[in-house]
N, C-alpha and C. Protein backbone atom coordinates (compact mmCIF):
# COMPACT_ATOMS: atom_id res chain seq x y z
N MET A 1 -23.92 -54.60 -45.32
CA MET A 1 -22.67 -53.84 -45.36
C MET A 1 -21.59 -54.62 -44.61
N ASN A 2 -20.49 -54.94 -45.30
CA ASN A 2 -19.45 -55.75 -44.67
C ASN A 2 -18.48 -54.89 -43.84
N TRP A 3 -17.50 -55.58 -43.21
CA TRP A 3 -16.57 -54.90 -42.31
C TRP A 3 -15.78 -53.83 -43.05
N TYR A 4 -15.31 -54.13 -44.24
CA TYR A 4 -14.56 -53.15 -45.03
C TYR A 4 -15.39 -51.89 -45.27
N GLU A 5 -16.65 -52.05 -45.65
CA GLU A 5 -17.51 -50.91 -45.94
C GLU A 5 -17.88 -50.13 -44.68
N ARG A 6 -17.99 -50.84 -43.55
CA ARG A 6 -18.38 -50.18 -42.30
C ARG A 6 -17.23 -49.47 -41.61
N VAL A 7 -16.04 -50.06 -41.67
CA VAL A 7 -14.92 -49.58 -40.85
C VAL A 7 -13.81 -48.93 -41.67
N VAL A 8 -13.34 -49.63 -42.70
CA VAL A 8 -12.18 -49.15 -43.45
C VAL A 8 -12.55 -48.07 -44.46
N LEU A 9 -13.56 -48.34 -45.27
CA LEU A 9 -13.89 -47.42 -46.36
C LEU A 9 -14.21 -46.01 -45.89
N PRO A 10 -14.99 -45.81 -44.80
CA PRO A 10 -15.24 -44.42 -44.36
C PRO A 10 -13.97 -43.64 -44.07
N ARG A 11 -12.98 -44.28 -43.48
CA ARG A 11 -11.72 -43.60 -43.18
C ARG A 11 -10.95 -43.28 -44.47
N VAL A 12 -10.98 -44.21 -45.40
CA VAL A 12 -10.32 -43.98 -46.69
C VAL A 12 -10.97 -42.82 -47.42
N LEU A 13 -12.31 -42.79 -47.44
CA LEU A 13 -13.03 -41.72 -48.12
C LEU A 13 -12.76 -40.37 -47.48
N ASN A 14 -12.77 -40.32 -46.16
CA ASN A 14 -12.49 -39.06 -45.47
C ASN A 14 -11.10 -38.56 -45.81
N PHE A 15 -10.12 -39.47 -45.83
CA PHE A 15 -8.74 -39.08 -46.15
C PHE A 15 -8.63 -38.58 -47.58
N ALA A 16 -9.25 -39.29 -48.51
CA ALA A 16 -9.15 -38.93 -49.93
C ALA A 16 -9.85 -37.61 -50.24
N MET A 17 -11.02 -37.40 -49.64
CA MET A 17 -11.83 -36.24 -50.01
C MET A 17 -11.43 -34.96 -49.28
N ARG A 18 -10.59 -35.06 -48.27
CA ARG A 18 -10.20 -33.84 -47.57
C ARG A 18 -8.94 -33.20 -48.17
N GLN A 19 -8.51 -33.66 -49.33
CA GLN A 19 -7.35 -33.07 -49.99
C GLN A 19 -7.56 -31.58 -50.25
N GLU A 20 -6.54 -30.81 -50.01
CA GLU A 20 -6.63 -29.35 -50.19
C GLU A 20 -6.93 -28.98 -51.64
N VAL A 21 -6.48 -29.79 -52.59
CA VAL A 21 -6.69 -29.46 -54.00
C VAL A 21 -8.17 -29.48 -54.38
N LEU A 22 -9.01 -30.13 -53.57
CA LEU A 22 -10.44 -30.18 -53.85
C LEU A 22 -11.19 -28.99 -53.27
N LEU A 23 -10.55 -28.26 -52.37
CA LEU A 23 -11.22 -27.16 -51.68
C LEU A 23 -11.73 -26.07 -52.62
N PRO A 24 -10.96 -25.64 -53.62
CA PRO A 24 -11.49 -24.60 -54.52
C PRO A 24 -12.76 -25.03 -55.24
N PHE A 25 -12.87 -26.30 -55.60
CA PHE A 25 -14.09 -26.78 -56.25
C PHE A 25 -15.26 -26.76 -55.28
N ARG A 26 -15.02 -27.15 -54.05
CA ARG A 26 -16.07 -27.10 -53.03
C ARG A 26 -16.56 -25.66 -52.85
N ARG A 27 -15.61 -24.73 -52.76
CA ARG A 27 -15.98 -23.33 -52.53
C ARG A 27 -16.80 -22.77 -53.68
N ARG A 28 -16.45 -23.14 -54.92
CA ARG A 28 -17.19 -22.65 -56.09
C ARG A 28 -18.64 -23.06 -56.01
N VAL A 29 -18.89 -24.25 -55.52
CA VAL A 29 -20.27 -24.74 -55.43
C VAL A 29 -20.99 -24.16 -54.22
N ILE A 30 -20.39 -24.26 -53.06
CA ILE A 30 -21.05 -23.87 -51.81
C ILE A 30 -21.32 -22.37 -51.75
N SER A 31 -20.54 -21.57 -52.45
CA SER A 31 -20.73 -20.11 -52.38
C SER A 31 -22.10 -19.67 -52.87
N ASP A 32 -22.77 -20.48 -53.67
CA ASP A 32 -24.10 -20.12 -54.18
C ASP A 32 -25.24 -20.65 -53.31
N ALA A 33 -24.94 -21.36 -52.25
CA ALA A 33 -25.98 -21.93 -51.40
C ALA A 33 -26.71 -20.83 -50.63
N ARG A 34 -28.03 -20.96 -50.54
CA ARG A 34 -28.87 -19.99 -49.85
C ARG A 34 -29.97 -20.70 -49.08
N GLY A 35 -30.41 -20.05 -47.99
CA GLY A 35 -31.58 -20.52 -47.26
C GLY A 35 -31.38 -21.88 -46.62
N THR A 36 -32.42 -22.70 -46.68
CA THR A 36 -32.33 -24.05 -46.13
C THR A 36 -31.63 -24.96 -47.13
N VAL A 37 -30.61 -25.65 -46.67
CA VAL A 37 -29.78 -26.48 -47.53
C VAL A 37 -29.95 -27.95 -47.16
N LEU A 38 -30.09 -28.78 -48.18
CA LEU A 38 -30.04 -30.23 -48.00
C LEU A 38 -28.81 -30.72 -48.75
N GLU A 39 -27.88 -31.35 -48.03
CA GLU A 39 -26.69 -31.89 -48.68
C GLU A 39 -26.81 -33.40 -48.78
N LEU A 40 -26.81 -33.90 -50.00
CA LEU A 40 -26.89 -35.34 -50.24
C LEU A 40 -25.51 -35.96 -50.10
N GLY A 41 -25.42 -37.06 -49.36
CA GLY A 41 -24.12 -37.70 -49.17
C GLY A 41 -23.15 -36.78 -48.47
N ILE A 42 -23.53 -36.28 -47.33
CA ILE A 42 -22.70 -35.30 -46.63
C ILE A 42 -21.38 -35.90 -46.16
N GLY A 43 -21.32 -37.23 -46.07
CA GLY A 43 -20.07 -37.89 -45.71
C GLY A 43 -19.56 -37.44 -44.35
N SER A 44 -18.29 -37.09 -44.29
CA SER A 44 -17.68 -36.68 -43.02
C SER A 44 -17.83 -35.19 -42.75
N GLY A 45 -18.65 -34.50 -43.54
CA GLY A 45 -18.97 -33.10 -43.26
C GLY A 45 -17.93 -32.10 -43.73
N LEU A 46 -17.20 -32.43 -44.77
CA LEU A 46 -16.12 -31.55 -45.22
C LEU A 46 -16.61 -30.22 -45.77
N ASN A 47 -17.88 -30.13 -46.16
CA ASN A 47 -18.40 -28.86 -46.67
C ASN A 47 -18.93 -27.94 -45.58
N LEU A 48 -19.10 -28.44 -44.37
CA LEU A 48 -19.82 -27.68 -43.34
C LEU A 48 -19.15 -26.35 -43.01
N ALA A 49 -17.84 -26.31 -43.04
CA ALA A 49 -17.13 -25.07 -42.71
C ALA A 49 -17.28 -24.00 -43.78
N LEU A 50 -17.81 -24.37 -44.94
CA LEU A 50 -17.90 -23.44 -46.07
C LEU A 50 -19.24 -22.72 -46.17
N TYR A 51 -20.23 -23.17 -45.41
CA TYR A 51 -21.54 -22.51 -45.47
C TYR A 51 -21.49 -21.20 -44.70
N GLY A 52 -21.95 -20.12 -45.36
CA GLY A 52 -21.87 -18.80 -44.78
C GLY A 52 -23.21 -18.28 -44.30
N PRO A 53 -23.27 -16.98 -44.00
CA PRO A 53 -24.48 -16.39 -43.41
C PRO A 53 -25.69 -16.39 -44.33
N ALA A 54 -25.52 -16.61 -45.62
CA ALA A 54 -26.68 -16.69 -46.52
C ALA A 54 -27.46 -17.98 -46.32
N VAL A 55 -26.88 -18.92 -45.60
CA VAL A 55 -27.53 -20.21 -45.32
C VAL A 55 -28.14 -20.17 -43.93
N SER A 56 -29.40 -20.56 -43.84
CA SER A 56 -30.08 -20.52 -42.54
C SER A 56 -29.93 -21.83 -41.77
N ALA A 57 -29.83 -22.95 -42.48
CA ALA A 57 -29.69 -24.25 -41.83
C ALA A 57 -29.26 -25.28 -42.86
N VAL A 58 -28.55 -26.30 -42.40
CA VAL A 58 -28.10 -27.39 -43.27
C VAL A 58 -28.62 -28.71 -42.71
N THR A 59 -29.25 -29.49 -43.57
CA THR A 59 -29.59 -30.88 -43.26
C THR A 59 -28.71 -31.75 -44.14
N GLY A 60 -27.98 -32.64 -43.52
CA GLY A 60 -27.09 -33.53 -44.27
C GLY A 60 -27.53 -34.97 -44.11
N CYS A 61 -27.62 -35.68 -45.22
CA CYS A 61 -27.99 -37.09 -45.14
C CYS A 61 -26.87 -37.95 -45.70
N ASP A 62 -26.70 -39.13 -45.11
CA ASP A 62 -25.72 -40.08 -45.57
C ASP A 62 -26.10 -41.45 -45.01
N PRO A 63 -25.89 -42.52 -45.78
CA PRO A 63 -26.22 -43.85 -45.26
C PRO A 63 -25.16 -44.45 -44.34
N SER A 64 -24.00 -43.79 -44.22
CA SER A 64 -22.89 -44.33 -43.43
C SER A 64 -22.88 -43.74 -42.02
N ALA A 65 -23.12 -44.59 -41.03
CA ALA A 65 -23.07 -44.13 -39.64
C ALA A 65 -21.66 -43.68 -39.26
N ALA A 66 -20.65 -44.36 -39.79
CA ALA A 66 -19.27 -44.00 -39.46
C ALA A 66 -18.91 -42.62 -39.98
N LEU A 67 -19.31 -42.31 -41.21
CA LEU A 67 -19.04 -40.98 -41.76
C LEU A 67 -19.82 -39.90 -41.02
N LEU A 68 -21.05 -40.22 -40.62
CA LEU A 68 -21.85 -39.23 -39.89
C LEU A 68 -21.25 -38.92 -38.52
N ARG A 69 -20.59 -39.89 -37.91
CA ARG A 69 -19.91 -39.61 -36.64
C ARG A 69 -18.81 -38.57 -36.85
N MET A 70 -18.09 -38.69 -37.95
CA MET A 70 -17.07 -37.68 -38.27
C MET A 70 -17.72 -36.33 -38.56
N ALA A 71 -18.85 -36.36 -39.25
CA ALA A 71 -19.54 -35.11 -39.59
C ALA A 71 -20.03 -34.38 -38.35
N ARG A 72 -20.43 -35.13 -37.32
CA ARG A 72 -20.92 -34.49 -36.10
C ARG A 72 -19.84 -33.65 -35.44
N GLU A 73 -18.61 -34.11 -35.52
CA GLU A 73 -17.50 -33.33 -34.96
C GLU A 73 -17.35 -32.01 -35.71
N ARG A 74 -17.48 -32.05 -37.02
CA ARG A 74 -17.35 -30.83 -37.81
C ARG A 74 -18.59 -29.94 -37.65
N ALA A 75 -19.74 -30.54 -37.44
CA ALA A 75 -20.97 -29.76 -37.26
C ALA A 75 -20.90 -28.89 -36.01
N ALA A 76 -20.18 -29.35 -35.02
CA ALA A 76 -20.08 -28.62 -33.76
C ALA A 76 -19.43 -27.25 -33.94
N SER A 77 -18.60 -27.09 -34.97
CA SER A 77 -17.92 -25.81 -35.18
C SER A 77 -18.49 -25.03 -36.37
N ALA A 78 -19.56 -25.53 -36.97
CA ALA A 78 -20.17 -24.81 -38.10
C ALA A 78 -20.88 -23.56 -37.60
N ILE A 79 -20.98 -22.53 -38.45
CA ILE A 79 -21.63 -21.29 -38.04
C ILE A 79 -23.12 -21.30 -38.33
N VAL A 80 -23.61 -22.39 -38.92
CA VAL A 80 -25.05 -22.53 -39.19
C VAL A 80 -25.56 -23.77 -38.47
N PRO A 81 -26.85 -23.80 -38.14
CA PRO A 81 -27.41 -25.01 -37.52
C PRO A 81 -27.32 -26.19 -38.48
N VAL A 82 -26.96 -27.35 -37.96
CA VAL A 82 -26.77 -28.55 -38.78
C VAL A 82 -27.57 -29.71 -38.18
N GLU A 83 -28.32 -30.38 -39.03
CA GLU A 83 -29.00 -31.62 -38.65
C GLU A 83 -28.46 -32.74 -39.54
N LEU A 84 -28.08 -33.85 -38.95
CA LEU A 84 -27.53 -34.97 -39.68
C LEU A 84 -28.48 -36.16 -39.59
N ILE A 85 -28.75 -36.77 -40.74
CA ILE A 85 -29.71 -37.86 -40.83
C ILE A 85 -29.05 -39.06 -41.51
N GLU A 86 -29.17 -40.23 -40.87
CA GLU A 86 -28.69 -41.46 -41.49
C GLU A 86 -29.77 -41.96 -42.45
N ALA A 87 -29.57 -41.70 -43.72
CA ALA A 87 -30.58 -42.04 -44.71
C ALA A 87 -29.96 -42.06 -46.10
N SER A 88 -30.61 -42.78 -47.00
CA SER A 88 -30.19 -42.81 -48.39
C SER A 88 -30.83 -41.64 -49.14
N ALA A 89 -30.10 -41.09 -50.08
CA ALA A 89 -30.65 -40.02 -50.92
C ALA A 89 -31.76 -40.53 -51.82
N GLU A 90 -31.87 -41.84 -51.96
CA GLU A 90 -32.92 -42.42 -52.80
C GLU A 90 -34.28 -42.41 -52.12
N ALA A 91 -34.31 -42.16 -50.81
CA ALA A 91 -35.57 -42.10 -50.07
C ALA A 91 -35.41 -41.10 -48.93
N LEU A 92 -35.48 -39.83 -49.27
CA LEU A 92 -35.20 -38.77 -48.31
C LEU A 92 -36.35 -38.58 -47.32
N PRO A 93 -36.04 -38.56 -46.02
CA PRO A 93 -37.06 -38.28 -45.01
C PRO A 93 -37.26 -36.77 -44.84
N VAL A 94 -37.57 -36.12 -45.94
CA VAL A 94 -37.68 -34.65 -45.99
C VAL A 94 -38.99 -34.30 -46.67
N ALA A 95 -39.67 -33.28 -46.16
CA ALA A 95 -40.97 -32.90 -46.70
C ALA A 95 -40.87 -32.34 -48.11
N ASP A 96 -41.93 -32.53 -48.88
CA ASP A 96 -42.01 -31.96 -50.22
C ASP A 96 -41.85 -30.44 -50.18
N VAL A 97 -41.22 -29.89 -51.18
CA VAL A 97 -41.17 -28.44 -51.43
C VAL A 97 -40.76 -27.67 -50.16
N SER A 98 -39.69 -28.13 -49.52
CA SER A 98 -39.30 -27.52 -48.24
C SER A 98 -37.87 -27.00 -48.22
N ILE A 99 -37.12 -27.19 -49.30
CA ILE A 99 -35.68 -26.89 -49.32
C ILE A 99 -35.37 -25.83 -50.38
N ASP A 100 -34.48 -24.90 -50.01
CA ASP A 100 -34.07 -23.85 -50.95
C ASP A 100 -32.92 -24.31 -51.86
N THR A 101 -31.98 -25.07 -51.29
CA THR A 101 -30.78 -25.47 -52.03
C THR A 101 -30.44 -26.93 -51.74
N VAL A 102 -30.26 -27.71 -52.77
CA VAL A 102 -29.72 -29.07 -52.63
C VAL A 102 -28.28 -29.05 -53.14
N VAL A 103 -27.38 -29.63 -52.37
CA VAL A 103 -25.95 -29.66 -52.70
C VAL A 103 -25.50 -31.10 -52.85
N THR A 104 -24.76 -31.39 -53.92
CA THR A 104 -24.09 -32.68 -54.07
C THR A 104 -22.64 -32.43 -54.47
N THR A 105 -21.71 -33.00 -53.73
CA THR A 105 -20.30 -32.89 -54.07
C THR A 105 -19.69 -34.29 -54.04
N TRP A 106 -19.30 -34.78 -55.21
CA TRP A 106 -18.73 -36.12 -55.34
C TRP A 106 -19.64 -37.17 -54.68
N THR A 107 -20.91 -37.11 -55.02
CA THR A 107 -21.93 -37.96 -54.39
C THR A 107 -22.67 -38.82 -55.41
N LEU A 108 -23.04 -38.24 -56.55
CA LEU A 108 -23.86 -38.95 -57.52
C LEU A 108 -23.14 -40.14 -58.13
N CYS A 109 -21.83 -40.16 -58.02
CA CYS A 109 -21.06 -41.29 -58.55
C CYS A 109 -21.30 -42.57 -57.75
N THR A 110 -21.67 -42.42 -56.49
CA THR A 110 -21.72 -43.57 -55.58
C THR A 110 -23.14 -44.05 -55.29
N ILE A 111 -24.13 -43.18 -55.37
CA ILE A 111 -25.50 -43.59 -55.07
C ILE A 111 -25.93 -44.66 -56.07
N PRO A 112 -26.39 -45.82 -55.60
CA PRO A 112 -26.76 -46.89 -56.54
C PRO A 112 -27.75 -46.45 -57.60
N ASP A 113 -28.81 -45.78 -57.20
CA ASP A 113 -29.81 -45.29 -58.15
C ASP A 113 -29.78 -43.76 -58.14
N ALA A 114 -28.81 -43.20 -58.85
CA ALA A 114 -28.63 -41.75 -58.85
C ALA A 114 -29.83 -41.03 -59.44
N ALA A 115 -30.49 -41.64 -60.42
CA ALA A 115 -31.66 -41.01 -61.03
C ALA A 115 -32.77 -40.85 -60.00
N ARG A 116 -32.97 -41.87 -59.19
CA ARG A 116 -33.99 -41.79 -58.14
C ARG A 116 -33.64 -40.73 -57.11
N ALA A 117 -32.38 -40.65 -56.74
CA ALA A 117 -31.94 -39.63 -55.78
C ALA A 117 -32.19 -38.22 -56.32
N LEU A 118 -31.95 -38.02 -57.59
CA LEU A 118 -32.17 -36.70 -58.18
C LEU A 118 -33.67 -36.37 -58.25
N ARG A 119 -34.50 -37.37 -58.48
CA ARG A 119 -35.94 -37.14 -58.44
C ARG A 119 -36.38 -36.76 -57.02
N GLU A 120 -35.75 -37.38 -56.03
CA GLU A 120 -36.03 -37.02 -54.65
C GLU A 120 -35.59 -35.57 -54.37
N ALA A 121 -34.44 -35.19 -54.89
CA ALA A 121 -33.98 -33.81 -54.73
C ALA A 121 -34.97 -32.84 -55.35
N ARG A 122 -35.47 -33.19 -56.50
CA ARG A 122 -36.47 -32.34 -57.18
C ARG A 122 -37.75 -32.25 -56.35
N ARG A 123 -38.14 -33.34 -55.73
CA ARG A 123 -39.36 -33.37 -54.91
C ARG A 123 -39.28 -32.41 -53.74
N VAL A 124 -38.13 -32.35 -53.07
CA VAL A 124 -38.03 -31.56 -51.85
C VAL A 124 -37.72 -30.09 -52.12
N LEU A 125 -37.29 -29.76 -53.33
CA LEU A 125 -36.94 -28.37 -53.62
C LEU A 125 -38.18 -27.50 -53.80
N LYS A 126 -38.08 -26.27 -53.33
CA LYS A 126 -39.12 -25.28 -53.58
C LYS A 126 -39.11 -24.92 -55.07
N PRO A 127 -40.20 -24.33 -55.58
CA PRO A 127 -40.25 -23.99 -57.02
C PRO A 127 -39.09 -23.13 -57.50
N ASP A 128 -38.58 -22.27 -56.62
CA ASP A 128 -37.45 -21.42 -57.01
C ASP A 128 -36.14 -21.95 -56.44
N GLY A 129 -36.13 -23.21 -55.99
CA GLY A 129 -34.93 -23.80 -55.41
C GLY A 129 -33.89 -24.15 -56.46
N VAL A 130 -32.70 -24.48 -55.98
CA VAL A 130 -31.57 -24.71 -56.88
C VAL A 130 -30.80 -25.95 -56.45
N LEU A 131 -30.30 -26.68 -57.44
CA LEU A 131 -29.40 -27.80 -57.22
C LEU A 131 -27.99 -27.35 -57.58
N LEU A 132 -27.06 -27.47 -56.64
CA LEU A 132 -25.66 -27.12 -56.87
C LEU A 132 -24.83 -28.39 -56.83
N PHE A 133 -23.91 -28.54 -57.77
CA PHE A 133 -23.19 -29.81 -57.84
C PHE A 133 -21.76 -29.65 -58.35
N VAL A 134 -20.89 -30.51 -57.81
CA VAL A 134 -19.59 -30.80 -58.41
C VAL A 134 -19.44 -32.31 -58.31
N GLU A 135 -19.29 -32.95 -59.45
CA GLU A 135 -19.25 -34.40 -59.55
C GLU A 135 -18.20 -34.81 -60.58
N HIS A 136 -17.64 -35.98 -60.39
CA HIS A 136 -16.77 -36.50 -61.44
C HIS A 136 -17.54 -37.53 -62.24
N GLY A 137 -17.19 -37.67 -63.52
CA GLY A 137 -17.95 -38.58 -64.36
C GLY A 137 -17.30 -38.81 -65.71
N ARG A 138 -18.15 -39.14 -66.67
CA ARG A 138 -17.67 -39.56 -67.98
C ARG A 138 -16.90 -38.44 -68.68
N ALA A 139 -15.74 -38.78 -69.17
CA ALA A 139 -14.89 -37.82 -69.88
C ALA A 139 -15.32 -37.70 -71.34
N PRO A 140 -15.02 -36.58 -71.99
CA PRO A 140 -15.44 -36.38 -73.38
C PRO A 140 -14.57 -37.12 -74.39
N GLU A 141 -13.34 -37.47 -74.03
CA GLU A 141 -12.45 -38.14 -74.96
C GLU A 141 -12.87 -39.61 -75.11
N LEU A 142 -13.06 -40.05 -76.33
CA LEU A 142 -13.56 -41.39 -76.58
C LEU A 142 -12.66 -42.46 -75.97
N GLY A 143 -11.35 -42.31 -76.13
CA GLY A 143 -10.43 -43.30 -75.59
C GLY A 143 -10.49 -43.38 -74.07
N VAL A 144 -10.58 -42.23 -73.41
CA VAL A 144 -10.69 -42.20 -71.95
C VAL A 144 -12.01 -42.82 -71.52
N ALA A 145 -13.09 -42.48 -72.21
CA ALA A 145 -14.41 -43.00 -71.86
C ALA A 145 -14.45 -44.53 -71.98
N ARG A 146 -13.78 -45.06 -72.99
CA ARG A 146 -13.75 -46.52 -73.14
C ARG A 146 -13.04 -47.16 -71.95
N TRP A 147 -11.96 -46.54 -71.50
CA TRP A 147 -11.27 -47.07 -70.33
C TRP A 147 -12.13 -46.92 -69.08
N GLN A 148 -12.90 -45.85 -69.00
CA GLN A 148 -13.81 -45.70 -67.87
C GLN A 148 -14.81 -46.85 -67.82
N ASP A 149 -15.33 -47.22 -68.98
CA ASP A 149 -16.27 -48.34 -69.04
C ASP A 149 -15.62 -49.65 -68.60
N ARG A 150 -14.36 -49.85 -69.01
CA ARG A 150 -13.66 -51.08 -68.64
C ARG A 150 -13.37 -51.14 -67.13
N LEU A 151 -13.02 -50.00 -66.57
CA LEU A 151 -12.59 -49.96 -65.17
C LEU A 151 -13.72 -49.75 -64.18
N ASP A 152 -14.90 -49.39 -64.68
CA ASP A 152 -15.98 -48.97 -63.79
C ASP A 152 -16.33 -50.04 -62.74
N ARG A 153 -16.53 -51.27 -63.18
CA ARG A 153 -16.94 -52.32 -62.24
C ARG A 153 -15.84 -52.64 -61.23
N PRO A 154 -14.59 -52.93 -61.66
CA PRO A 154 -13.56 -53.25 -60.65
C PRO A 154 -13.29 -52.08 -59.70
N TRP A 155 -13.34 -50.85 -60.23
CA TRP A 155 -13.13 -49.70 -59.36
C TRP A 155 -14.23 -49.62 -58.31
N GLY A 156 -15.46 -49.84 -58.72
CA GLY A 156 -16.57 -49.77 -57.78
C GLY A 156 -16.47 -50.78 -56.66
N LEU A 157 -15.88 -51.94 -56.93
CA LEU A 157 -15.75 -52.98 -55.92
C LEU A 157 -14.84 -52.56 -54.77
N VAL A 158 -13.84 -51.73 -55.06
CA VAL A 158 -12.91 -51.30 -54.01
C VAL A 158 -13.21 -49.90 -53.49
N ALA A 159 -14.06 -49.16 -54.20
CA ALA A 159 -14.31 -47.76 -53.85
C ALA A 159 -15.75 -47.50 -53.41
N GLY A 160 -16.36 -48.50 -52.80
CA GLY A 160 -17.68 -48.30 -52.22
C GLY A 160 -18.79 -48.08 -53.21
N GLY A 161 -18.65 -48.66 -54.41
CA GLY A 161 -19.71 -48.51 -55.41
C GLY A 161 -19.58 -47.27 -56.27
N CYS A 162 -18.45 -46.59 -56.21
CA CYS A 162 -18.23 -45.40 -57.02
C CYS A 162 -18.19 -45.76 -58.51
N HIS A 163 -18.91 -44.98 -59.32
CA HIS A 163 -18.91 -45.14 -60.77
C HIS A 163 -18.12 -43.99 -61.40
N ILE A 164 -17.29 -44.31 -62.37
CA ILE A 164 -16.46 -43.28 -62.99
C ILE A 164 -16.95 -42.91 -64.38
N ASN A 165 -18.04 -43.53 -64.85
CA ASN A 165 -18.46 -43.30 -66.24
C ASN A 165 -19.87 -42.73 -66.37
N ARG A 166 -20.40 -42.15 -65.31
CA ARG A 166 -21.75 -41.60 -65.40
C ARG A 166 -21.74 -40.23 -66.07
N ARG A 167 -22.74 -39.99 -66.92
CA ARG A 167 -22.91 -38.68 -67.57
C ARG A 167 -23.75 -37.81 -66.63
N ILE A 168 -23.08 -37.02 -65.85
CA ILE A 168 -23.75 -36.28 -64.78
C ILE A 168 -24.78 -35.30 -65.31
N ASP A 169 -24.45 -34.60 -66.38
CA ASP A 169 -25.41 -33.62 -66.91
C ASP A 169 -26.66 -34.31 -67.44
N ALA A 170 -26.51 -35.47 -68.05
CA ALA A 170 -27.67 -36.21 -68.56
C ALA A 170 -28.53 -36.71 -67.41
N LEU A 171 -27.91 -37.20 -66.35
CA LEU A 171 -28.67 -37.66 -65.19
C LEU A 171 -29.51 -36.53 -64.60
N ILE A 172 -28.90 -35.36 -64.49
CA ILE A 172 -29.60 -34.22 -63.90
C ILE A 172 -30.75 -33.77 -64.81
N GLY A 173 -30.49 -33.67 -66.09
CA GLY A 173 -31.54 -33.27 -67.02
C GLY A 173 -32.68 -34.26 -67.08
N ASP A 174 -32.37 -35.56 -67.07
CA ASP A 174 -33.39 -36.59 -67.15
C ASP A 174 -34.27 -36.62 -65.90
N ALA A 175 -33.78 -36.09 -64.79
CA ALA A 175 -34.55 -36.07 -63.55
C ALA A 175 -35.51 -34.88 -63.49
N GLY A 176 -35.53 -34.07 -64.53
CA GLY A 176 -36.46 -32.95 -64.57
C GLY A 176 -35.88 -31.61 -64.19
N PHE A 177 -34.56 -31.53 -64.15
CA PHE A 177 -33.91 -30.25 -63.86
C PHE A 177 -33.52 -29.54 -65.15
N ARG A 178 -33.48 -28.23 -65.06
CA ARG A 178 -32.99 -27.39 -66.16
C ARG A 178 -31.63 -26.84 -65.74
N ILE A 179 -30.57 -27.24 -66.43
CA ILE A 179 -29.23 -26.80 -66.06
C ILE A 179 -29.03 -25.36 -66.51
N GLU A 180 -28.78 -24.48 -65.54
CA GLU A 180 -28.55 -23.06 -65.84
C GLU A 180 -27.09 -22.77 -66.16
N HIS A 181 -26.21 -23.48 -65.50
CA HIS A 181 -24.78 -23.25 -65.69
C HIS A 181 -24.06 -24.58 -65.56
N LEU A 182 -23.14 -24.86 -66.48
CA LEU A 182 -22.35 -26.08 -66.43
C LEU A 182 -20.94 -25.78 -66.88
N ALA A 183 -19.99 -26.14 -66.05
CA ALA A 183 -18.57 -25.98 -66.38
C ALA A 183 -17.87 -27.32 -66.18
N HIS A 184 -16.73 -27.46 -66.83
CA HIS A 184 -15.94 -28.67 -66.70
C HIS A 184 -14.52 -28.31 -66.26
N ASP A 185 -13.94 -29.21 -65.52
CA ASP A 185 -12.56 -29.02 -65.05
C ASP A 185 -11.97 -30.40 -64.81
N ARG A 186 -10.73 -30.41 -64.39
CA ARG A 186 -10.11 -31.67 -64.00
C ARG A 186 -9.43 -31.48 -62.66
N MET A 187 -9.65 -32.45 -61.80
CA MET A 187 -8.95 -32.47 -60.53
C MET A 187 -7.72 -33.36 -60.68
N PRO A 188 -6.78 -33.31 -59.76
CA PRO A 188 -5.61 -34.19 -59.86
C PRO A 188 -6.03 -35.65 -59.86
N GLY A 189 -5.30 -36.46 -60.61
CA GLY A 189 -5.59 -37.88 -60.65
C GLY A 189 -5.63 -38.41 -62.07
N PRO A 190 -5.85 -39.72 -62.22
CA PRO A 190 -5.91 -40.33 -63.55
C PRO A 190 -7.04 -39.72 -64.38
N ARG A 191 -6.85 -39.65 -65.70
CA ARG A 191 -7.86 -39.05 -66.56
C ARG A 191 -9.16 -39.84 -66.59
N THR A 192 -9.11 -41.09 -66.18
CA THR A 192 -10.34 -41.88 -66.08
C THR A 192 -11.17 -41.51 -64.86
N HIS A 193 -10.57 -40.77 -63.92
CA HIS A 193 -11.24 -40.49 -62.65
C HIS A 193 -11.42 -38.99 -62.36
N ASN A 194 -10.85 -38.13 -63.17
CA ASN A 194 -10.73 -36.74 -62.71
C ASN A 194 -11.55 -35.72 -63.49
N TYR A 195 -12.43 -36.15 -64.39
CA TYR A 195 -13.20 -35.18 -65.19
C TYR A 195 -14.39 -34.68 -64.38
N LEU A 196 -14.48 -33.39 -64.20
CA LEU A 196 -15.49 -32.79 -63.32
C LEU A 196 -16.62 -32.09 -64.06
N TYR A 197 -17.79 -32.19 -63.47
CA TYR A 197 -18.98 -31.44 -63.88
C TYR A 197 -19.32 -30.52 -62.71
N LEU A 198 -19.30 -29.20 -62.94
CA LEU A 198 -19.66 -28.25 -61.89
C LEU A 198 -20.79 -27.37 -62.42
N GLY A 199 -21.83 -27.17 -61.59
CA GLY A 199 -22.90 -26.34 -62.11
C GLY A 199 -24.04 -26.09 -61.17
N ARG A 200 -25.07 -25.54 -61.77
CA ARG A 200 -26.29 -25.13 -61.06
C ARG A 200 -27.49 -25.48 -61.93
N ALA A 201 -28.52 -26.03 -61.29
CA ALA A 201 -29.73 -26.40 -62.04
C ALA A 201 -30.96 -26.06 -61.22
N ARG A 202 -32.05 -25.87 -61.92
CA ARG A 202 -33.33 -25.59 -61.26
C ARG A 202 -34.39 -26.58 -61.74
N VAL A 203 -35.47 -26.64 -60.98
CA VAL A 203 -36.57 -27.50 -61.37
C VAL A 203 -37.10 -27.04 -62.71
N GLY A 204 -37.19 -27.96 -63.68
CA GLY A 204 -37.58 -27.59 -65.04
C GLY A 204 -39.05 -27.25 -65.17
């Protein structure tokens, strides 16, 4: 990890992701969280203030030590117990069948092997557990999707490996989840970057 990724990028990500316009999408997802929660790519902890009394505890993992330092500050004011772990979602240090809810918000775009991370999420979920997600990804318009393919590599070089052309629903289904609810929306920004997948899935 170079200096830009260690020092500059975490601050840029925290600034970009704390926009107020993203808050309604976060609330739509987090409102369904129950019991023990595992948040993949917790970043700077922007979701922590949204977990309510239906949640008994939150474990957040992220590979960035700089982002986790920011998350610790937010964890101090959360109303639920929070544990933060420096780890990749591709190899979770979490016991099998131990989690009620897995949460991902703008995370699957950046994990190098998102399919592996989703298999890990499936491994740790209880049989009646749920995956809650809001992610940006491949747009349905052919022209926009073509531009996403063209821009994906250069964008990833400056945005910490973020991919803008992943089919989020396909990734989730291929990992063995059954999608119960899926909605689409757009957040502010270029049409190559703003197409959202919001939903809920269970172990298939």
